[in-house]
Amino acid sequence: MRTVQLLPDLDTTLKPGDRILFVGSETARRLQRRYLSDPGTVSWVLSGTEPPRGLFFRRWQHRTRGSP
């Protein structure tokens, strides 16, 4: 029996020009599009923390971090 591997090895490095095929439901497509287009969501996915979105909370964060 032949085994077909649909994924590259875990140590495979992506290079410029490589293309990735994503397959999933319409809901998954919408969520993925949101992750790629919403800066707050991208920040959350990368760091695990969501940046403050409201004016009050953004200013409060700047003051607590000592930013201008």
PDB file of N, CA and C in Angstrom:
ATOM      1  N   MET A   1       0.838  -1.181   0.000  1.00  0.00           N
ATOM      2  CA  MET A   1       0.000   0.000   0.000  1.00  0.00           C
ATOM      3  C   MET A   1       0.886   1.247   0.000  1.00  0.00           C
ATOM      4  N   ARG A   2       0.564   2.235  -0.790  1.00  0.00           N
ATOM      5  CA  ARG A   2       1.338   3.468  -0.925  1.00  0.00           C
ATOM      6  C   ARG A   2       0.760   4.549  -0.015  1.00  0.00           C
ATOM      7  N   THR A   3       1.634   5.266   0.698  1.00  0.00           N
ATOM      8  CA  THR A   3       1.213   6.362   1.561  1.00  0.00           C
ATOM      9  C   THR A   3       1.451   7.678   0.841  1.00  0.00           C
ATOM     10  N   VAL A   4       0.442   8.555   0.856  1.00  0.00           N
ATOM     11  CA  VAL A   4       0.553   9.866   0.235  1.00  0.00           C
ATOM     12  C   VAL A   4       0.657  10.907   1.336  1.00  0.00           C
ATOM     13  N   GLN A   5       1.698  11.737   1.275  1.00  0.00           N
ATOM     14  CA  GLN A   5       1.893  12.791   2.266  1.00  0.00           C
ATOM     15  C   GLN A   5       1.485  14.112   1.634  1.00  0.00           C
ATOM     16  N   LEU A   6       0.493  14.774   2.234  1.00  0.00           N
ATOM     17  CA  LEU A   6      -0.014  16.029   1.698  1.00  0.00           C
ATOM     18  C   LEU A   6       0.665  17.254   2.291  1.00  0.00           C
ATOM     19  N   LEU A   7       1.482  17.067   3.306  1.00  0.00           N
ATOM     20  CA  LEU A   7       2.157  18.182   3.969  1.00  0.00           C
ATOM     21  C   LEU A   7       3.661  18.040   3.812  1.00  0.00           C
ATOM     22  N   PRO A   8       4.367  19.166   3.760  1.00  0.00           N
ATOM     23  CA  PRO A   8       5.830  19.080   3.727  1.00  0.00           C
ATOM     24  C   PRO A   8       6.359  18.649   5.088  1.00  0.00           C
ATOM     25  N   ASP A   9       7.632  18.269   5.121  1.00  0.00           N
ATOM     26  CA  ASP A   9       8.260  17.930   6.390  1.00  0.00           C
ATOM     27  C   ASP A   9       8.220  19.143   7.317  1.00  0.00           C
ATOM     28  N   LEU A  10       8.223  18.904   8.632  1.00  0.00           N
ATOM     29  CA  LEU A  10       8.142  19.993   9.608  1.00  0.00           C
ATOM     30  C   LEU A  10       9.327  20.954   9.525  1.00  0.00           C
ATOM     31  N   ASP A  11      10.474  20.489   9.036  1.00  0.00           N
ATOM     32  CA  ASP A  11      11.645  21.361   8.950  1.00  0.00           C
ATOM     33  C   ASP A  11      11.767  22.063   7.592  1.00  0.00           C
ATOM     34  N   THR A  12      10.741  21.963   6.757  1.00  0.00           N
ATOM     35  CA  THR A  12      10.744  22.635   5.460  1.00  0.00           C
ATOM     36  C   THR A  12      10.592  24.140   5.653  1.00  0.00           C
ATOM     37  N   THR A  13      11.480  24.918   5.052  1.00  0.00           N
ATOM     38  CA  THR A  13      11.442  26.370   5.152  1.00  0.00           C
ATOM     39  C   THR A  13      10.764  26.950   3.919  1.00  0.00           C
ATOM     40  N   LEU A  14       9.822  27.866   4.148  1.00  0.00           N
ATOM     41  CA  LEU A  14       9.180  28.540   3.018  1.00  0.00           C
ATOM     42  C   LEU A  14      10.141  29.558   2.433  1.00  0.00           C
ATOM     43  N   LYS A  15      10.087  29.700   1.117  1.00  0.00           N
ATOM     44  CA  LYS A  15      10.944  30.657   0.421  1.00  0.00           C
ATOM     45  C   LYS A  15      10.072  31.649  -0.337  1.00  0.00           C
ATOM     46  N   PRO A  16      10.606  32.832  -0.649  1.00  0.00           N
ATOM     47  CA  PRO A  16       9.836  33.784  -1.453  1.00  0.00           C
ATOM     48  C   PRO A  16       9.356  33.115  -2.745  1.00  0.00           C
ATOM     49  N   GLY A  17       8.101  33.341  -3.042  1.00  0.00           N
ATOM     50  CA  GLY A  17       7.512  32.747  -4.242  1.00  0.00           C
ATOM     51  C   GLY A  17       6.795  31.434  -3.987  1.00  0.00           C
ATOM     52  N   ASP A  18       7.028  30.804  -2.823  1.00  0.00           N
ATOM     53  CA  ASP A  18       6.300  29.576  -2.494  1.00  0.00           C
ATOM     54  C   ASP A  18       4.823  29.886  -2.375  1.00  0.00           C
ATOM     55  N   ARG A  19       4.009  28.941  -2.717  1.00  0.00           N
ATOM     56  CA  ARG A  19       2.561  29.120  -2.617  1.00  0.00           C
ATOM     57  C   ARG A  19       1.998  28.055  -1.694  1.00  0.00           C
ATOM     58  N   ILE A  20       0.970  28.438  -0.919  1.00  0.00           N
ATOM     59  CA  ILE A  20       0.330  27.530   0.031  1.00  0.00           C
ATOM     60  C   ILE A  20      -1.133  27.405  -0.354  1.00  0.00           C
ATOM     61  N   LEU A  21      -1.614  26.196  -0.435  1.00  0.00           N
ATOM     62  CA  LEU A  21      -3.020  25.942  -0.729  1.00  0.00           C
ATOM     63  C   LEU A  21      -3.745  25.661   0.582  1.00  0.00           C
ATOM     64  N   PHE A  22      -4.750  26.479   0.888  1.00  0.00           N
ATOM     65  CA  PHE A  22      -5.582  26.272   2.062  1.00  0.00           C
ATOM     66  C   PHE A  22      -6.925  25.720   1.600  1.00  0.00           C
ATOM     67  N   VAL A  23      -7.397  24.706   2.273  1.00  0.00           N
ATOM     68  CA  VAL A  23      -8.680  24.100   1.946  1.00  0.00           C
ATOM     69  C   VAL A  23      -9.520  24.090   3.217  1.00  0.00           C
ATOM     70  N   GLY A  24     -10.755  24.561   3.107  1.00  0.00           N
ATOM     71  CA  GLY A  24     -11.614  24.569   4.284  1.00  0.00           C
ATOM     72  C   GLY A  24     -12.983  25.111   3.952  1.00  0.00           C
ATOM     73  N   SER A  25     -13.768  25.330   4.985  1.00  0.00           N
ATOM     74  CA  SER A  25     -15.136  25.807   4.823  1.00  0.00           C
ATOM     75  C   SER A  25     -15.159  27.315   4.577  1.00  0.00           C
ATOM     76  N   GLU A  26     -16.319  27.816   4.226  1.00  0.00           N
ATOM     77  CA  GLU A  26     -16.501  29.255   4.014  1.00  0.00           C
ATOM     78  C   GLU A  26     -16.248  30.016   5.315  1.00  0.00           C
ATOM     79  N   THR A  27     -16.658  29.452   6.434  1.00  0.00           N
ATOM     80  CA  THR A  27     -16.420  30.084   7.727  1.00  0.00           C
ATOM     81  C   THR A  27     -14.922  30.186   8.001  1.00  0.00           C
ATOM     82  N   ALA A  28     -14.181  29.143   7.717  1.00  0.00           N
ATOM     83  CA  ALA A  28     -12.731  29.166   7.910  1.00  0.00           C
ATOM     84  C   ALA A  28     -12.086  30.222   7.019  1.00  0.00           C
ATOM     85  N   ARG A  29     -12.576  30.382   5.802  1.00  0.00           N
ATOM     86  CA  ARG A  29     -12.038  31.391   4.885  1.00  0.00           C
ATOM     87  C   ARG A  29     -12.255  32.796   5.439  1.00  0.00           C
ATOM     88  N   ARG A  30     -13.456  33.045   5.966  1.00  0.00           N
ATOM     89  CA  ARG A  30     -13.746  34.367   6.537  1.00  0.00           C
ATOM     90  C   ARG A  30     -12.864  34.649   7.746  1.00  0.00           C
ATOM     91  N   LEU A  31     -12.683  33.661   8.608  1.00  0.00           N
ATOM     92  CA  LEU A  31     -11.827  33.842   9.781  1.00  0.00           C
ATOM     93  C   LEU A  31     -10.381  34.094   9.372  1.00  0.00           C
ATOM     94  N   GLN A  32      -9.914  33.355   8.390  1.00  0.00           N
ATOM     95  CA  GLN A  32      -8.536  33.542   7.931  1.00  0.00           C
ATOM     96  C   GLN A  32      -8.359  34.933   7.329  1.00  0.00           C
ATOM     97  N   ARG A  33      -9.316  35.376   6.564  1.00  0.00           N
ATOM     98  CA  ARG A  33      -9.245  36.718   5.973  1.00  0.00           C
ATOM     99  C   ARG A  33      -9.199  37.774   7.083  1.00  0.00           C
ATOM    100  N   ARG A  34      -9.983  37.553   8.140  1.00  0.00           N
ATOM    101  CA  ARG A  34      -9.969  38.494   9.261  1.00  0.00           C
ATOM    102  C   ARG A  34      -8.603  38.515   9.925  1.00  0.00           C
ATOM    103  N   TYR A  35      -8.016  37.342  10.137  1.00  0.00           N
ATOM    104  CA  TYR A  35      -6.699  37.282  10.764  1.00  0.00           C
ATOM    105  C   TYR A  35      -5.651  38.010   9.939  1.00  0.00           C
ATOM    106  N   LEU A  36      -5.795  38.015   8.636  1.00  0.00           N
ATOM    107  CA  LEU A  36      -4.798  38.637   7.771  1.00  0.00           C
ATOM    108  C   LEU A  36      -5.027  40.125   7.559  1.00  0.00           C
ATOM    109  N   SER A  37      -6.225  40.624   7.867  1.00  0.00           N
ATOM    110  CA  SER A  37      -6.520  42.021   7.542  1.00  0.00           C
ATOM    111  C   SER A  37      -6.737  42.924   8.758  1.00  0.00           C
ATOM    112  N   ASP A  38      -7.029  42.377   9.906  1.00  0.00           N
ATOM    113  CA  ASP A  38      -7.306  43.186  11.091  1.00  0.00           C
ATOM    114  C   ASP A  38      -6.044  43.292  11.944  1.00  0.00           C
ATOM    115  N   PRO A  39      -5.446  44.490  12.054  1.00  0.00           N
ATOM    116  CA  PRO A  39      -4.190  44.626  12.804  1.00  0.00           C
ATOM    117  C   PRO A  39      -4.283  44.132  14.243  1.00  0.00           C
ATOM    118  N   GLY A  40      -5.408  44.350  14.904  1.00  0.00           N
ATOM    119  CA  GLY A  40      -5.566  43.875  16.273  1.00  0.00           C
ATOM    120  C   GLY A  40      -5.554  42.361  16.357  1.00  0.00           C
ATOM    121  N   THR A  41      -6.197  41.728  15.408  1.00  0.00           N
ATOM    122  CA  THR A  41      -6.233  40.266  15.379  1.00  0.00           C
ATOM    123  C   THR A  41      -4.865  39.701  15.048  1.00  0.00           C
ATOM    124  N   VAL A  42      -4.168  40.327  14.100  1.00  0.00           N
ATOM    125  CA  VAL A  42      -2.815  39.881  13.755  1.00  0.00           C
ATOM    126  C   VAL A  42      -1.914  39.982  14.981  1.00  0.00           C
ATOM    127  N   SER A  43      -2.011  41.084  15.714  1.00  0.00           N
ATOM    128  CA  SER A  43      -1.216  41.262  16.924  1.00  0.00           C
ATOM    129  C   SER A  43      -1.544  40.185  17.949  1.00  0.00           C
ATOM    130  N   TRP A  44      -2.825  39.879  18.101  1.00  0.00           N
ATOM    131  CA  TRP A  44      -3.243  38.857  19.061  1.00  0.00           C
ATOM    132  C   TRP A  44      -2.702  37.485  18.666  1.00  0.00           C
ATOM    133  N   VAL A  45      -2.775  37.140  17.383  1.00  0.00           N
ATOM    134  CA  VAL A  45      -2.280  35.844  16.922  1.00  0.00           C
ATOM    135  C   VAL A  45      -0.772  35.737  17.142  1.00  0.00           C
ATOM    136  N   LEU A  46      -0.033  36.820  16.892  1.00  0.00           N
ATOM    137  CA  LEU A  46       1.422  36.792  17.022  1.00  0.00           C
ATOM    138  C   LEU A  46       1.903  36.841  18.465  1.00  0.00           C
ATOM    139  N   SER A  47       1.218  37.631  19.313  1.00  0.00           N
ATOM    140  CA  SER A  47       1.739  37.859  20.662  1.00  0.00           C
ATOM    141  C   SER A  47       0.887  37.259  21.780  1.00  0.00           C
ATOM    142  N   GLY A  48      -0.365  36.972  21.483  1.00  0.00           N
ATOM    143  CA  GLY A  48      -1.254  36.467  22.523  1.00  0.00           C
ATOM    144  C   GLY A  48      -1.941  37.563  23.306  1.00  0.00           C
ATOM    145  N   THR A  49      -1.642  38.822  22.982  1.00  0.00           N
ATOM    146  CA  THR A  49      -2.305  39.945  23.640  1.00  0.00           C
ATOM    147  C   THR A  49      -2.957  40.827  22.587  1.00  0.00           C
ATOM    148  N   GLU A  50      -4.116  41.322  22.906  1.00  0.00           N
ATOM    149  CA  GLU A  50      -4.827  42.190  21.982  1.00  0.00           C
ATOM    150  C   GLU A  50      -4.570  43.642  22.346  1.00  0.00           C
ATOM    151  N   PRO A  51      -4.156  44.462  21.379  1.00  0.00           N
ATOM    152  CA  PRO A  51      -3.902  45.869  21.680  1.00  0.00           C
ATOM    153  C   PRO A  51      -5.204  46.597  22.001  1.00  0.00           C
ATOM    154  N   PRO A  52      -5.120  47.652  22.809  1.00  0.00           N
ATOM    155  CA  PRO A  52      -6.332  48.421  23.126  1.00  0.00           C
ATOM    156  C   PRO A  52      -6.880  49.091  21.875  1.00  0.00           C
ATOM    157  N   ARG A  53      -8.199  49.060  21.710  1.00  0.00           N
ATOM    158  CA  ARG A  53      -8.811  49.623  20.505  1.00  0.00           C
ATOM    159  C   ARG A  53      -9.464  50.976  20.758  1.00  0.00           C
ATOM    160  N   GLY A  54      -9.995  51.198  21.923  1.00  0.00           N
ATOM    161  CA  GLY A  54     -10.677  52.451  22.222  1.00  0.00           C
ATOM    162  C   GLY A  54      -9.690  53.555  22.549  1.00  0.00           C
ATOM    163  N   LEU A  55     -10.092  54.790  22.303  1.00  0.00           N
ATOM    164  CA  LEU A  55      -9.241  55.950  22.552  1.00  0.00           C
ATOM    165  C   LEU A  55      -8.773  55.995  24.009  1.00  0.00           C
ATOM    166  N   PHE A  56      -9.681  55.809  24.938  1.00  0.00           N
ATOM    167  CA  PHE A  56      -9.330  55.857  26.362  1.00  0.00           C
ATOM    168  C   PHE A  56      -8.261  54.821  26.692  1.00  0.00           C
ATOM    169  N   PHE A  57      -8.467  53.592  26.249  1.00  0.00           N
ATOM    170  CA  PHE A  57      -7.531  52.524  26.585  1.00  0.00           C
ATOM    171  C   PHE A  57      -6.200  52.679  25.866  1.00  0.00           C
ATOM    172  N   ARG A  58      -6.188  53.216  24.656  1.00  0.00           N
ATOM    173  CA  ARG A  58      -4.924  53.480  23.965  1.00  0.00           C
ATOM    174  C   ARG A  58      -4.120  54.540  24.717  1.00  0.00           C
ATOM    175  N   ARG A  59      -4.784  55.612  25.143  1.00  0.00           N
ATOM    176  CA  ARG A  59      -4.086  56.666  25.895  1.00  0.00           C
ATOM    177  C   ARG A  59      -3.595  56.146  27.234  1.00  0.00           C
ATOM    178  N   TRP A  60      -4.412  55.357  27.903  1.00  0.00           N
ATOM    179  CA  TRP A  60      -4.018  54.781  29.190  1.00  0.00           C
ATOM    180  C   TRP A  60      -2.790  53.891  29.017  1.00  0.00           C
ATOM    181  N   GLN A  61      -2.754  53.110  27.959  1.00  0.00           N
ATOM    182  CA  GLN A  61      -1.602  52.239  27.709  1.00  0.00           C
ATOM    183  C   GLN A  61      -0.337  53.073  27.458  1.00  0.00           C
ATOM    184  N   HIS A  62      -0.466  54.154  26.684  1.00  0.00           N
ATOM    185  CA  HIS A  62       0.686  55.007  26.421  1.00  0.00           C
ATOM    186  C   HIS A  62       1.214  55.621  27.724  1.00  0.00           C
ATOM    187  N   ARG A  63       0.316  56.039  28.598  1.00  0.00           N
ATOM    188  CA  ARG A  63       0.752  56.636  29.865  1.00  0.00           C
ATOM    189  C   ARG A  63       1.409  55.621  30.779  1.00  0.00           C
ATOM    190  N   THR A  64       0.878  54.419  30.824  1.00  0.00           N
ATOM    191  CA  THR A  64       1.455  53.401  31.710  1.00  0.00           C
ATOM    192  C   THR A  64       2.779  52.880  31.174  1.00  0.00           C
ATOM    193  N   ARG A  65       2.993  52.991  29.887  1.00  0.00           N
ATOM    194  CA  ARG A  65       4.264  52.545  29.302  1.00  0.00           C
ATOM    195  C   ARG A  65       5.268  53.681  29.185  1.00  0.00           C
ATOM    196  N   GLY A  66       4.843  54.911  29.506  1.00  0.00           N
ATOM    197  CA  GLY A  66       5.736  56.043  29.430  1.00  0.00           C
ATOM    198  C   GLY A  66       5.928  56.573  28.012  1.00  0.00           C
ATOM    199  N   SER A  67       5.022  56.225  27.116  1.00  0.00           N
ATOM    200  CA  SER A  67       5.113  56.718  25.740  1.00  0.00           C
ATOM    201  C   SER A  67       4.462  58.087  25.650  1.00  0.00           C
ATOM    202  N   PRO A  68       4.883  58.913  24.678  1.00  0.00           N
ATOM    203  CA  PRO A  68       4.249  60.238  24.528  1.00  0.00           C
ATOM    204  C   PRO A  68       2.819  60.149  24.079  1.00  0.00           C
TER     205      PRO A  68
END
